[in-house]
Amino acid sequence: MDAKKARKLERHLEKVIIETIVRLGLKSLPLLPAHATVTAMAKAAVAVYEKAVDEPDDGSTSETGSE
């Protein structure tokens, strides 16, 4: 994924993360994270997405490791 698309996805994810955390509120969550933390969460989500796109699961490996 090119950098421009990745950044756009990160911005959208930041908004969704913030909206979700606000909706759940402090009664359900122990704290409201700093903006830098939300940005890191969005970047991490994009990195996982990019890895999934680059290395799709073909079913040949076990996720539990018990096979």
C-alpha atoms as a PDB file:
ATOM      1  CA  MET A   1       0.000   0.000   0.000  1.00  0.00           C
ATOM      2  CA  ASP A   2       1.430   3.376  -0.870  1.00  0.00           C
ATOM      3  CA  ALA A   3       2.156   5.897   1.874  1.00  0.00           C
ATOM      4  CA  LYS A   4      -0.670   8.249   0.886  1.00  0.00           C
ATOM      5  CA  LYS A   5      -3.311   5.511   1.137  1.00  0.00           C
ATOM      6  CA  ALA A   6      -1.835   4.217   4.394  1.00  0.00           C
ATOM      7  CA  ARG A   7      -1.947   7.697   5.960  1.00  0.00           C
ATOM      8  CA  LYS A   8      -5.544   8.185   4.813  1.00  0.00           C
ATOM      9  CA  LEU A   9      -6.526   4.863   6.381  1.00  0.00           C
ATOM     10  CA  GLU A  10      -4.697   5.849   9.579  1.00  0.00           C
ATOM     11  CA  ARG A  11      -6.671   9.109   9.793  1.00  0.00           C
ATOM     12  CA  HIS A  12      -9.974   7.284   9.372  1.00  0.00           C
ATOM     13  CA  LEU A  13      -9.003   4.708  11.982  1.00  0.00           C
ATOM     14  CA  GLU A  14      -7.973   7.440  14.436  1.00  0.00           C
ATOM     15  CA  LYS A  15     -11.445   8.958  14.143  1.00  0.00           C
ATOM     16  CA  VAL A  16     -13.156   5.611  14.668  1.00  0.00           C
ATOM     17  CA  ILE A  17     -10.940   4.760  17.639  1.00  0.00           C
ATOM     18  CA  ILE A  18     -11.643   8.122  19.274  1.00  0.00           C
ATOM     19  CA  GLU A  19     -15.401   7.847  18.606  1.00  0.00           C
ATOM     20  CA  THR A  20     -15.488   4.342  20.069  1.00  0.00           C
ATOM     21  CA  ILE A  21     -13.522   5.275  23.177  1.00  0.00           C
ATOM     22  CA  VAL A  22     -15.706   8.340  23.779  1.00  0.00           C
ATOM     23  CA  ARG A  23     -18.869   6.294  23.260  1.00  0.00           C
ATOM     24  CA  LEU A  24     -17.727   3.674  25.775  1.00  0.00           C
ATOM     25  CA  GLY A  25     -16.616   6.350  28.215  1.00  0.00           C
ATOM     26  CA  LEU A  26     -14.762   6.142  31.483  1.00  0.00           C
ATOM     27  CA  LYS A  27     -17.375   3.839  33.011  1.00  0.00           C
ATOM     28  CA  SER A  28     -16.215   1.058  30.639  1.00  0.00           C
ATOM     29  CA  LEU A  29     -12.595   2.053  30.112  1.00  0.00           C
ATOM     30  CA  PRO A  30      -9.926   2.898  32.691  1.00  0.00           C
ATOM     31  CA  LEU A  31      -8.605   5.983  30.861  1.00  0.00           C
ATOM     32  CA  LEU A  32      -8.869   8.161  27.795  1.00  0.00           C
ATOM     33  CA  PRO A  33      -5.632   7.755  25.800  1.00  0.00           C
ATOM     34  CA  ALA A  34      -3.529  10.668  24.602  1.00  0.00           C
ATOM     35  CA  HIS A  35      -3.714  11.614  20.939  1.00  0.00           C
ATOM     36  CA  ALA A  36      -0.225  10.178  20.386  1.00  0.00           C
ATOM     37  CA  THR A  37      -1.465   6.834  21.714  1.00  0.00           C
ATOM     38  CA  VAL A  38      -4.484   6.869  19.396  1.00  0.00           C
ATOM     39  CA  THR A  39      -2.167   7.652  16.483  1.00  0.00           C
ATOM     40  CA  ALA A  40       0.053   4.711  17.435  1.00  0.00           C
ATOM     41  CA  MET A  41      -3.014   2.448  17.646  1.00  0.00           C
ATOM     42  CA  ALA A  42      -4.107   3.493  14.149  1.00  0.00           C
ATOM     43  CA  LYS A  43      -0.595   2.985  12.743  1.00  0.00           C
ATOM     44  CA  ALA A  44      -0.466  -0.472  14.302  1.00  0.00           C
ATOM     45  CA  ALA A  45      -3.838  -1.373  12.783  1.00  0.00           C
ATOM     46  CA  VAL A  46      -2.665  -0.276   9.337  1.00  0.00           C
ATOM     47  CA  ALA A  47       0.553  -2.282   9.720  1.00  0.00           C
ATOM     48  CA  VAL A  48      -1.460  -5.408  10.544  1.00  0.00           C
ATOM     49  CA  TYR A  49      -3.742  -4.751   7.569  1.00  0.00           C
ATOM     50  CA  GLU A  50      -0.760  -4.297   5.232  1.00  0.00           C
ATOM     51  CA  LYS A  51       0.762  -7.565   6.477  1.00  0.00           C
ATOM     52  CA  ALA A  52      -2.536  -9.358   5.868  1.00  0.00           C
ATOM     53  CA  VAL A  53      -2.637  -7.989   2.319  1.00  0.00           C
ATOM     54  CA  ASP A  54       1.001  -8.899   1.653  1.00  0.00           C
ATOM     55  CA  GLU A  55       0.781 -12.357   3.208  1.00  0.00           C
ATOM     56  CA  PRO A  56      -2.792 -13.628   2.940  1.00  0.00           C
ATOM     57  CA  ASP A  57      -3.677 -16.636   5.078  1.00  0.00           C
ATOM     58  CA  ASP A  58      -3.950 -19.639   2.799  1.00  0.00           C
ATOM     59  CA  GLY A  59      -5.040 -21.910   5.639  1.00  0.00           C
ATOM     60  CA  SER A  60      -1.755 -23.817   5.663  1.00  0.00           C
ATOM     61  CA  THR A  61      -0.764 -22.679   9.155  1.00  0.00           C
ATOM     62  CA  SER A  62      -2.485 -23.110  12.470  1.00  0.00           C
ATOM     63  CA  GLU A  63      -3.256 -19.993  14.475  1.00  0.00           C
ATOM     64  CA  THR A  64      -3.289 -21.965  17.715  1.00  0.00           C
ATOM     65  CA  GLY A  65       0.014 -23.700  17.039  1.00  0.00           C
ATOM     66  CA  SER A  66      -1.441 -27.047  18.094  1.00  0.00           C
ATOM     67  CA  GLU A  67      -1.218 -28.684  14.679  1.00  0.00           C
END
